[in-house]
Amino acid sequence: MEQMKIRGIEVTCYPDKIKIEKSYIINNKEKIELILESIFERTEEFFVNRKMETFIKEWRYHNRLYKMHIFREKNKNLVLKKEQSNWSKFMCVILGF
């Protein structure tokens, strides 16, 4: 487990997932990408199976659910996994724009 702070956001990296605390604070796609790139520089092996765009879309759909007060407690923090679930892929299509 590795903890870091990137642009004021607490990030914890585990072997199989990355937890981003209070991810709802960052809404801008470019800022999301900058944070993910910073994480990528430190945990490069994590990004082997997925494209950056899938992580961005997943972050954005979590933010949208948070803003709509849907599972707000769960969606205030983002957990990105190495392998994206089918549910997450579906939600990215619906809300990840």
PDB file of N, CA and C in Angstrom:
ATOM      1  N   MET A   1       0.848  -1.180   0.000  1.00  0.00           N
ATOM      2  CA  MET A   1       0.000   0.000   0.000  1.00  0.00           C
ATOM      3  C   MET A   1       0.891   1.241   0.000  1.00  0.00           C
ATOM      4  N   GLU A   2       0.548   2.176  -0.860  1.00  0.00           N
ATOM      5  CA  GLU A   2       1.280   3.435  -0.948  1.00  0.00           C
ATOM      6  C   GLU A   2       0.272   4.583  -0.889  1.00  0.00           C
ATOM      7  N   GLN A   3       0.558   5.553  -0.044  1.00  0.00           N
ATOM      8  CA  GLN A   3      -0.304   6.725   0.055  1.00  0.00           C
ATOM      9  C   GLN A   3       0.416   7.932  -0.513  1.00  0.00           C
ATOM     10  N   MET A   4      -0.354   8.802  -1.176  1.00  0.00           N
ATOM     11  CA  MET A   4       0.209  10.021  -1.750  1.00  0.00           C
ATOM     12  C   MET A   4      -0.860  11.100  -1.790  1.00  0.00           C
ATOM     13  N   LYS A   5      -0.422  12.320  -1.944  1.00  0.00           N
ATOM     14  CA  LYS A   5      -1.344  13.438  -2.085  1.00  0.00           C
ATOM     15  C   LYS A   5      -1.005  14.124  -3.406  1.00  0.00           C
ATOM     16  N   ILE A   6      -2.006  14.210  -4.270  1.00  0.00           N
ATOM     17  CA  ILE A   6      -1.814  14.798  -5.598  1.00  0.00           C
ATOM     18  C   ILE A   6      -2.833  15.907  -5.780  1.00  0.00           C
ATOM     19  N   ARG A   7      -2.342  17.124  -5.955  1.00  0.00           N
ATOM     20  CA  ARG A   7      -3.219  18.283  -6.142  1.00  0.00           C
ATOM     21  C   ARG A   7      -4.286  18.378  -5.050  1.00  0.00           C
ATOM     22  N   GLY A   8      -3.885  18.085  -3.819  1.00  0.00           N
ATOM     23  CA  GLY A   8      -4.795  18.184  -2.687  1.00  0.00           C
ATOM     24  C   GLY A   8      -5.712  16.991  -2.497  1.00  0.00           C
ATOM     25  N   ILE A   9      -5.574  15.973  -3.311  1.00  0.00           N
ATOM     26  CA  ILE A   9      -6.420  14.784  -3.246  1.00  0.00           C
ATOM     27  C   ILE A   9      -5.606  13.630  -2.659  1.00  0.00           C
ATOM     28  N   GLU A  10      -6.178  12.974  -1.645  1.00  0.00           N
ATOM     29  CA  GLU A  10      -5.534  11.812  -1.021  1.00  0.00           C
ATOM     30  C   GLU A  10      -5.748  10.578  -1.901  1.00  0.00           C
ATOM     31  N   VAL A  11      -4.663   9.900  -2.204  1.00  0.00           N
ATOM     32  CA  VAL A  11      -4.708   8.698  -3.045  1.00  0.00           C
ATOM     33  C   VAL A  11      -4.009   7.559  -2.310  1.00  0.00           C
ATOM     34  N   THR A  12      -4.647   6.408  -2.284  1.00  0.00           N
ATOM     35  CA  THR A  12      -4.050   5.216  -1.698  1.00  0.00           C
ATOM     36  C   THR A  12      -4.001   4.139  -2.771  1.00  0.00           C
ATOM     37  N   CYS A  13      -2.812   3.623  -3.018  1.00  0.00           N
ATOM     38  CA  CYS A  13      -2.626   2.592  -4.040  1.00  0.00           C
ATOM     39  C   CYS A  13      -2.425   1.236  -3.373  1.00  0.00           C
ATOM     40  N   TYR A  14      -3.237   0.286  -3.772  1.00  0.00           N
ATOM     41  CA  TYR A  14      -3.147  -1.096  -3.330  1.00  0.00           C
ATOM     42  C   TYR A  14      -2.729  -1.932  -4.539  1.00  0.00           C
ATOM     43  N   PRO A  15      -2.361  -3.170  -4.349  1.00  0.00           N
ATOM     44  CA  PRO A  15      -1.952  -3.993  -5.500  1.00  0.00           C
ATOM     45  C   PRO A  15      -3.040  -4.145  -6.564  1.00  0.00           C
ATOM     46  N   ASP A  16      -4.321  -4.165  -6.151  1.00  0.00           N
ATOM     47  CA  ASP A  16      -5.401  -4.426  -7.104  1.00  0.00           C
ATOM     48  C   ASP A  16      -6.365  -3.262  -7.315  1.00  0.00           C
ATOM     49  N   LYS A  17      -6.135  -2.143  -6.603  1.00  0.00           N
ATOM     50  CA  LYS A  17      -7.048  -0.999  -6.746  1.00  0.00           C
ATOM     51  C   LYS A  17      -6.381   0.289  -6.288  1.00  0.00           C
ATOM     52  N   ILE A  18      -6.999   1.384  -6.669  1.00  0.00           N
ATOM     53  CA  ILE A  18      -6.565   2.716  -6.261  1.00  0.00           C
ATOM     54  C   ILE A  18      -7.768   3.420  -5.665  1.00  0.00           C
ATOM     55  N   LYS A  19      -7.614   3.943  -4.456  1.00  0.00           N
ATOM     56  CA  LYS A  19      -8.698   4.671  -3.801  1.00  0.00           C
ATOM     57  C   LYS A  19      -8.364   6.155  -3.817  1.00  0.00           C
ATOM     58  N   ILE A  20      -9.295   6.950  -4.333  1.00  0.00           N
ATOM     59  CA  ILE A  20      -9.137   8.398  -4.417  1.00  0.00           C
ATOM     60  C   ILE A  20     -10.178   9.019  -3.501  1.00  0.00           C
ATOM     61  N   GLU A  21      -9.712   9.654  -2.426  1.00  0.00           N
ATOM     62  CA  GLU A  21     -10.597  10.253  -1.424  1.00  0.00           C
ATOM     63  C   GLU A  21     -11.223  11.542  -1.955  1.00  0.00           C
ATOM     64  N   LYS A  22     -12.494  11.729  -1.696  1.00  0.00           N
ATOM     65  CA  LYS A  22     -13.234  12.933  -2.077  1.00  0.00           C
ATOM     66  C   LYS A  22     -13.032  13.278  -3.559  1.00  0.00           C
ATOM     67  N   SER A  23     -13.160  12.272  -4.381  1.00  0.00           N
ATOM     68  CA  SER A  23     -12.962  12.447  -5.827  1.00  0.00           C
ATOM     69  C   SER A  23     -13.994  13.386  -6.451  1.00  0.00           C
ATOM     70  N   TYR A  24     -15.135  13.545  -5.795  1.00  0.00           N
ATOM     71  CA  TYR A  24     -16.192  14.413  -6.313  1.00  0.00           C
ATOM     72  C   TYR A  24     -15.752  15.877  -6.407  1.00  0.00           C
ATOM     73  N   ILE A  25     -14.698  16.237  -5.707  1.00  0.00           N
ATOM     74  CA  ILE A  25     -14.211  17.627  -5.721  1.00  0.00           C
ATOM     75  C   ILE A  25     -13.681  18.006  -7.103  1.00  0.00           C
ATOM     76  N   ILE A  26     -13.102  17.045  -7.802  1.00  0.00           N
ATOM     77  CA  ILE A  26     -12.502  17.300  -9.118  1.00  0.00           C
ATOM     78  C   ILE A  26     -13.515  16.940 -10.193  1.00  0.00           C
ATOM     79  N   ASN A  27     -13.965  17.943 -10.941  1.00  0.00           N
ATOM     80  CA  ASN A  27     -14.962  17.730 -11.986  1.00  0.00           C
ATOM     81  C   ASN A  27     -14.412  17.925 -13.393  1.00  0.00           C
ATOM     82  N   ASN A  28     -13.379  18.707 -13.509  1.00  0.00           N
ATOM     83  CA  ASN A  28     -12.809  19.047 -14.798  1.00  0.00           C
ATOM     84  C   ASN A  28     -12.052  17.843 -15.371  1.00  0.00           C
ATOM     85  N   LYS A  29     -12.380  17.489 -16.604  1.00  0.00           N
ATOM     86  CA  LYS A  29     -11.781  16.319 -17.244  1.00  0.00           C
ATOM     87  C   LYS A  29     -10.260  16.436 -17.333  1.00  0.00           C
ATOM     88  N   GLU A  30      -9.761  17.617 -17.620  1.00  0.00           N
ATOM     89  CA  GLU A  30      -8.318  17.819 -17.735  1.00  0.00           C
ATOM     90  C   GLU A  30      -7.624  17.630 -16.385  1.00  0.00           C
ATOM     91  N   LYS A  31      -8.248  18.104 -15.309  1.00  0.00           N
ATOM     92  CA  LYS A  31      -7.673  17.928 -13.970  1.00  0.00           C
ATOM     93  C   LYS A  31      -7.697  16.462 -13.559  1.00  0.00           C
ATOM     94  N   ILE A  32      -8.779  15.781 -13.903  1.00  0.00           N
ATOM     95  CA  ILE A  32      -8.865  14.344 -13.624  1.00  0.00           C
ATOM     96  C   ILE A  32      -7.724  13.625 -14.332  1.00  0.00           C
ATOM     97  N   GLU A  33      -7.507  13.967 -15.588  1.00  0.00           N
ATOM     98  CA  GLU A  33      -6.449  13.327 -16.356  1.00  0.00           C
ATOM     99  C   GLU A  33      -5.073  13.618 -15.770  1.00  0.00           C
ATOM    100  N   LEU A  34      -4.837  14.847 -15.319  1.00  0.00           N
ATOM    101  CA  LEU A  34      -3.553  15.190 -14.702  1.00  0.00           C
ATOM    102  C   LEU A  34      -3.303  14.369 -13.438  1.00  0.00           C
ATOM    103  N   ILE A  35      -4.335  14.214 -12.626  1.00  0.00           N
ATOM    104  CA  ILE A  35      -4.199  13.413 -11.401  1.00  0.00           C
ATOM    105  C   ILE A  35      -3.919  11.953 -11.755  1.00  0.00           C
ATOM    106  N   LEU A  36      -4.665  11.421 -12.710  1.00  0.00           N
ATOM    107  CA  LEU A  36      -4.447  10.030 -13.115  1.00  0.00           C
ATOM    108  C   LEU A  36      -3.058   9.836 -13.714  1.00  0.00           C
ATOM    109  N   GLU A  37      -2.565  10.803 -14.472  1.00  0.00           N
ATOM    110  CA  GLU A  37      -1.217  10.704 -15.033  1.00  0.00           C
ATOM    111  C   GLU A  37      -0.169  10.697 -13.922  1.00  0.00           C
ATOM    112  N   SER A  38      -0.388  11.498 -12.881  1.00  0.00           N
ATOM    113  CA  SER A  38       0.534  11.515 -11.741  1.00  0.00           C
ATOM    114  C   SER A  38       0.542  10.166 -11.034  1.00  0.00           C
ATOM    115  N   ILE A  39      -0.642   9.573 -10.894  1.00  0.00           N
ATOM    116  CA  ILE A  39      -0.730   8.240 -10.292  1.00  0.00           C
ATOM    117  C   ILE A  39      -0.028   7.228 -11.201  1.00  0.00           C
ATOM    118  N   PHE A  40      -0.252   7.349 -12.496  1.00  0.00           N
ATOM    119  CA  PHE A  40       0.334   6.432 -13.479  1.00  0.00           C
ATOM    120  C   PHE A  40       1.863   6.437 -13.395  1.00  0.00           C
ATOM    121  N   GLU A  41       2.444   7.608 -13.200  1.00  0.00           N
ATOM    122  CA  GLU A  41       3.904   7.710 -13.112  1.00  0.00           C
ATOM    123  C   GLU A  41       4.456   6.897 -11.949  1.00  0.00           C
ATOM    124  N   ARG A  42       3.678   6.758 -10.889  1.00  0.00           N
ATOM    125  CA  ARG A  42       4.142   6.051  -9.691  1.00  0.00           C
ATOM    126  C   ARG A  42       3.716   4.593  -9.647  1.00  0.00           C
ATOM    127  N   THR A  43       2.653   4.251 -10.355  1.00  0.00           N
ATOM    128  CA  THR A  43       2.117   2.885 -10.325  1.00  0.00           C
ATOM    129  C   THR A  43       1.821   2.419 -11.747  1.00  0.00           C
ATOM    130  N   GLU A  44       2.816   2.466 -12.577  1.00  0.00           N
ATOM    131  CA  GLU A  44       2.656   2.191 -14.002  1.00  0.00           C
ATOM    132  C   GLU A  44       2.014   0.836 -14.299  1.00  0.00           C
ATOM    133  N   GLU A  45       2.361  -0.185 -13.526  1.00  0.00           N
ATOM    134  CA  GLU A  45       1.843  -1.530 -13.792  1.00  0.00           C
ATOM    135  C   GLU A  45       0.332  -1.615 -13.623  1.00  0.00           C
ATOM    136  N   PHE A  46      -0.234  -0.691 -12.871  1.00  0.00           N
ATOM    137  CA  PHE A  46      -1.680  -0.710 -12.631  1.00  0.00           C
ATOM    138  C   PHE A  46      -2.474  -0.437 -13.910  1.00  0.00           C
ATOM    139  N   PHE A  47      -1.897   0.320 -14.822  1.00  0.00           N
ATOM    140  CA  PHE A  47      -2.616   0.789 -16.004  1.00  0.00           C
ATOM    141  C   PHE A  47      -2.412  -0.090 -17.232  1.00  0.00           C
ATOM    142  N   VAL A  48      -1.880  -1.265 -17.051  1.00  0.00           N
ATOM    143  CA  VAL A  48      -1.577  -2.138 -18.189  1.00  0.00           C
ATOM    144  C   VAL A  48      -2.836  -2.609 -18.900  1.00  0.00           C
ATOM    145  N   ASN A  49      -3.884  -2.966 -18.158  1.00  0.00           N
ATOM    146  CA  ASN A  49      -5.072  -3.606 -18.741  1.00  0.00           C
ATOM    147  C   ASN A  49      -6.176  -2.650 -19.173  1.00  0.00           C
ATOM    148  N   ARG A  50      -6.046  -1.381 -18.830  1.00  0.00           N
ATOM    149  CA  ARG A  50      -7.114  -0.425 -19.154  1.00  0.00           C
ATOM    150  C   ARG A  50      -6.525   0.840 -19.754  1.00  0.00           C
ATOM    151  N   LYS A  51      -7.324   1.484 -20.587  1.00  0.00           N
ATOM    152  CA  LYS A  51      -6.913   2.760 -21.171  1.00  0.00           C
ATOM    153  C   LYS A  51      -7.245   3.888 -20.202  1.00  0.00           C
ATOM    154  N   MET A  52      -6.494   4.960 -20.313  1.00  0.00           N
ATOM    155  CA  MET A  52      -6.709   6.131 -19.468  1.00  0.00           C
ATOM    156  C   MET A  52      -8.142   6.629 -19.579  1.00  0.00           C
ATOM    157  N   GLU A  53      -8.695   6.597 -20.769  1.00  0.00           N
ATOM    158  CA  GLU A  53     -10.047   7.106 -20.993  1.00  0.00           C
ATOM    159  C   GLU A  53     -11.089   6.347 -20.160  1.00  0.00           C
ATOM    160  N   THR A  54     -10.882   5.059 -19.939  1.00  0.00           N
ATOM    161  CA  THR A  54     -11.844   4.306 -19.127  1.00  0.00           C
ATOM    162  C   THR A  54     -11.811   4.744 -17.669  1.00  0.00           C
ATOM    163  N   PHE A  55     -10.629   5.092 -17.179  1.00  0.00           N
ATOM    164  CA  PHE A  55     -10.523   5.592 -15.809  1.00  0.00           C
ATOM    165  C   PHE A  55     -11.187   6.961 -15.680  1.00  0.00           C
ATOM    166  N   ILE A  56     -10.991   7.809 -16.675  1.00  0.00           N
ATOM    167  CA  ILE A  56     -11.611   9.147 -16.659  1.00  0.00           C
ATOM    168  C   ILE A  56     -13.130   9.020 -16.673  1.00  0.00           C
ATOM    169  N   LYS A  57     -13.653   8.183 -17.548  1.00  0.00           N
ATOM    170  CA  LYS A  57     -15.109   7.993 -17.623  1.00  0.00           C
ATOM    171  C   LYS A  57     -15.675   7.436 -16.328  1.00  0.00           C
ATOM    172  N   GLU A  58     -14.957   6.506 -15.719  1.00  0.00           N
ATOM    173  CA  GLU A  58     -15.427   5.939 -14.460  1.00  0.00           C
ATOM    174  C   GLU A  58     -15.467   7.013 -13.367  1.00  0.00           C
ATOM    175  N   TRP A  59     -14.441   7.842 -13.319  1.00  0.00           N
ATOM    176  CA  TRP A  59     -14.396   8.933 -12.341  1.00  0.00           C
ATOM    177  C   TRP A  59     -15.576   9.875 -12.565  1.00  0.00           C
ATOM    178  N   ARG A  60     -15.826  10.226 -13.821  1.00  0.00           N
ATOM    179  CA  ARG A  60     -16.891  11.181 -14.132  1.00  0.00           C
ATOM    180  C   ARG A  60     -18.280  10.615 -13.819  1.00  0.00           C
ATOM    181  N   TYR A  61     -18.507   9.331 -14.056  1.00  0.00           N
ATOM    182  CA  TYR A  61     -19.836   8.802 -13.729  1.00  0.00           C
ATOM    183  C   TYR A  61     -20.028   8.717 -12.219  1.00  0.00           C
ATOM    184  N   HIS A  62     -18.971   8.439 -11.479  1.00  0.00           N
ATOM    185  CA  HIS A  62     -19.087   8.473 -10.015  1.00  0.00           C
ATOM    186  C   HIS A  62     -19.443   9.881  -9.541  1.00  0.00           C
ATOM    187  N   ASN A  63     -18.813  10.891 -10.127  1.00  0.00           N
ATOM    188  CA  ASN A  63     -19.132  12.279  -9.773  1.00  0.00           C
ATOM    189  C   ASN A  63     -20.590  12.604 -10.070  1.00  0.00           C
ATOM    190  N   ARG A  64     -21.078  12.141 -11.194  1.00  0.00           N
ATOM    191  CA  ARG A  64     -22.474  12.416 -11.549  1.00  0.00           C
ATOM    192  C   ARG A  64     -23.443  11.744 -10.576  1.00  0.00           C
ATOM    193  N   LEU A  65     -23.160  10.510 -10.209  1.00  0.00           N
ATOM    194  CA  LEU A  65     -24.006   9.830  -9.230  1.00  0.00           C
ATOM    195  C   LEU A  65     -23.965  10.560  -7.889  1.00  0.00           C
ATOM    196  N   TYR A  66     -22.801  11.026  -7.496  1.00  0.00           N
ATOM    197  CA  TYR A  66     -22.668  11.776  -6.240  1.00  0.00           C
ATOM    198  C   TYR A  66     -23.528  13.039  -6.285  1.00  0.00           C
ATOM    199  N   LYS A  67     -23.456  13.768  -7.379  1.00  0.00           N
ATOM    200  CA  LYS A  67     -24.225  15.011  -7.510  1.00  0.00           C
ATOM    201  C   LYS A  67     -25.728  14.770  -7.536  1.00  0.00           C
ATOM    202  N   MET A  68     -26.146  13.584  -8.018  1.00  0.00           N
ATOM    203  CA  MET A  68     -27.564  13.247  -8.056  1.00  0.00           C
ATOM    204  C   MET A  68     -28.029  12.615  -6.748  1.00  0.00           C
ATOM    205  N   HIS A  69     -27.145  12.556  -5.756  1.00  0.00           N
ATOM    206  CA  HIS A  69     -27.448  11.975  -4.440  1.00  0.00           C
ATOM    207  C   HIS A  69     -27.810  10.492  -4.535  1.00  0.00           C
ATOM    208  N   ILE A  70     -27.180   9.799  -5.470  1.00  0.00           N
ATOM    209  CA  ILE A  70     -27.376   8.366  -5.628  1.00  0.00           C
ATOM    210  C   ILE A  70     -26.170   7.662  -5.002  1.00  0.00           C
ATOM    211  N   PHE A  71     -26.422   6.899  -3.952  1.00  0.00           N
ATOM    212  CA  PHE A  71     -25.347   6.237  -3.209  1.00  0.00           C
ATOM    213  C   PHE A  71     -24.231   7.234  -2.889  1.00  0.00           C
ATOM    214  N   ARG A  72     -24.631   8.371  -2.368  1.00  0.00           N
ATOM    215  CA  ARG A  72     -23.701   9.483  -2.162  1.00  0.00           C
ATOM    216  C   ARG A  72     -22.513   9.099  -1.286  1.00  0.00           C
ATOM    217  N   GLU A  73     -22.760   8.395  -0.216  1.00  0.00           N
ATOM    218  CA  GLU A  73     -21.661   8.004   0.671  1.00  0.00           C
ATOM    219  C   GLU A  73     -20.651   7.115  -0.059  1.00  0.00           C
ATOM    220  N   LYS A  74     -21.155   6.216  -0.875  1.00  0.00           N
ATOM    221  CA  LYS A  74     -20.282   5.311  -1.634  1.00  0.00           C
ATOM    222  C   LYS A  74     -19.537   6.045  -2.745  1.00  0.00           C
ATOM    223  N   ASN A  75     -20.182   7.019  -3.364  1.00  0.00           N
ATOM    224  CA  ASN A  75     -19.608   7.683  -4.528  1.00  0.00           C
ATOM    225  C   ASN A  75     -18.748   8.908  -4.210  1.00  0.00           C
ATOM    226  N   LYS A  76     -18.634   9.272  -2.942  1.00  0.00           N
ATOM    227  CA  LYS A  76     -17.786  10.428  -2.626  1.00  0.00           C
ATOM    228  C   LYS A  76     -16.309  10.077  -2.779  1.00  0.00           C
ATOM    229  N   ASN A  77     -15.968   8.804  -2.610  1.00  0.00           N
ATOM    230  CA  ASN A  77     -14.615   8.320  -2.848  1.00  0.00           C
ATOM    231  C   ASN A  77     -14.657   7.379  -4.039  1.00  0.00           C
ATOM    232  N   LEU A  78     -13.610   7.403  -4.812  1.00  0.00           N
ATOM    233  CA  LEU A  78     -13.556   6.582  -6.021  1.00  0.00           C
ATOM    234  C   LEU A  78     -12.567   5.447  -5.811  1.00  0.00           C
ATOM    235  N   VAL A  79     -12.980   4.244  -6.169  1.00  0.00           N
ATOM    236  CA  VAL A  79     -12.085   3.089  -6.143  1.00  0.00           C
ATOM    237  C   VAL A  79     -11.967   2.575  -7.573  1.00  0.00           C
ATOM    238  N   LEU A  80     -10.777   2.709  -8.124  1.00  0.00           N
ATOM    239  CA  LEU A  80     -10.506   2.238  -9.476  1.00  0.00           C
ATOM    240  C   LEU A  80      -9.821   0.883  -9.383  1.00  0.00           C
ATOM    241  N   LYS A  81     -10.347  -0.082 -10.098  1.00  0.00           N
ATOM    242  CA  LYS A  81      -9.784  -1.431 -10.072  1.00  0.00           C
ATOM    243  C   LYS A  81      -9.054  -1.708 -11.376  1.00  0.00           C
ATOM    244  N   LYS A  82      -8.103  -2.635 -11.303  1.00  0.00           N
ATOM    245  CA  LYS A  82      -7.333  -2.997 -12.500  1.00  0.00           C
ATOM    246  C   LYS A  82      -8.240  -3.483 -13.614  1.00  0.00           C
ATOM    247  N   GLU A  83      -9.187  -4.329 -13.240  1.00  0.00           N
ATOM    248  CA  GLU A  83     -10.145  -4.866 -14.205  1.00  0.00           C
ATOM    249  C   GLU A  83     -11.485  -4.172 -13.992  1.00  0.00           C
ATOM    250  N   GLN A  84     -12.029  -3.614 -15.040  1.00  0.00           N
ATOM    251  CA  GLN A  84     -13.295  -2.900 -14.935  1.00  0.00           C
ATOM    252  C   GLN A  84     -14.454  -3.881 -15.035  1.00  0.00           C
ATOM    253  N   SER A  85     -15.382  -3.793 -14.103  1.00  0.00           N
ATOM    254  CA  SER A  85     -16.541  -4.696 -14.110  1.00  0.00           C
ATOM    255  C   SER A  85     -17.480  -4.347 -15.263  1.00  0.00           C
ATOM    256  N   ASN A  86     -18.329  -5.287 -15.620  1.00  0.00           N
ATOM    257  CA  ASN A  86     -19.315  -5.038 -16.676  1.00  0.00           C
ATOM    258  C   ASN A  86     -20.273  -3.914 -16.274  1.00  0.00           C
ATOM    259  N   TRP A  87     -20.638  -3.875 -14.999  1.00  0.00           N
ATOM    260  CA  TRP A  87     -21.510  -2.808 -14.501  1.00  0.00           C
ATOM    261  C   TRP A  87     -20.849  -1.443 -14.702  1.00  0.00           C
ATOM    262  N   SER A  88     -19.589  -1.353 -14.363  1.00  0.00           N
ATOM    263  CA  SER A  88     -18.854  -0.098 -14.523  1.00  0.00           C
ATOM    264  C   SER A  88     -18.766   0.298 -15.999  1.00  0.00           C
ATOM    265  N   LYS A  89     -18.530  -0.667 -16.862  1.00  0.00           N
ATOM    266  CA  LYS A  89     -18.480  -0.384 -18.307  1.00  0.00           C
ATOM    267  C   LYS A  89     -19.819   0.174 -18.781  1.00  0.00           C
ATOM    268  N   PHE A  90     -20.899  -0.441 -18.317  1.00  0.00           N
ATOM    269  CA  PHE A  90     -22.234   0.023 -18.683  1.00  0.00           C
ATOM    270  C   PHE A  90     -22.464   1.459 -18.207  1.00  0.00           C
ATOM    271  N   MET A  91     -22.118   1.738 -16.951  1.00  0.00           N
ATOM    272  CA  MET A  91     -22.311   3.079 -16.391  1.00  0.00           C
ATOM    273  C   MET A  91     -21.442   4.112 -17.103  1.00  0.00           C
ATOM    274  N   CYS A  92     -20.270   3.714 -17.551  1.00  0.00           N
ATOM    275  CA  CYS A  92     -19.420   4.637 -18.301  1.00  0.00           C
ATOM    276  C   CYS A  92     -20.073   5.067 -19.602  1.00  0.00           C
ATOM    277  N   VAL A  93     -20.773   4.134 -20.233  1.00  0.00           N
ATOM    278  CA  VAL A  93     -21.477   4.458 -21.469  1.00  0.00           C
ATOM    279  C   VAL A  93     -22.624   5.443 -21.180  1.00  0.00           C
ATOM    280  N   ILE A  94     -23.343   5.213 -20.088  1.00  0.00           N
ATOM    281  CA  ILE A  94     -24.512   6.031 -19.754  1.00  0.00           C
ATOM    282  C   ILE A  94     -24.120   7.382 -19.178  1.00  0.00           C
ATOM    283  N   LEU A  95     -23.189   7.409 -18.225  1.00  0.00           N
ATOM    284  CA  LEU A  95     -22.890   8.640 -17.478  1.00  0.00           C
ATOM    285  C   LEU A  95     -21.447   9.112 -17.566  1.00  0.00           C
ATOM    286  N   GLY A  96     -20.614   8.442 -18.309  1.00  0.00           N
ATOM    287  CA  GLY A  96     -19.186   8.773 -18.332  1.00  0.00           C
ATOM    288  C   GLY A  96     -18.747   9.811 -19.341  1.00  0.00           C
ATOM    289  N   PHE A  97     -19.681  10.479 -19.957  1.00  0.00           N
ATOM    290  CA  PHE A  97     -19.348  11.460 -20.992  1.00  0.00           C
ATOM    291  C   PHE A  97     -18.616  12.656 -20.449  1.00  0.00           C
TER     292      PHE A  97
END
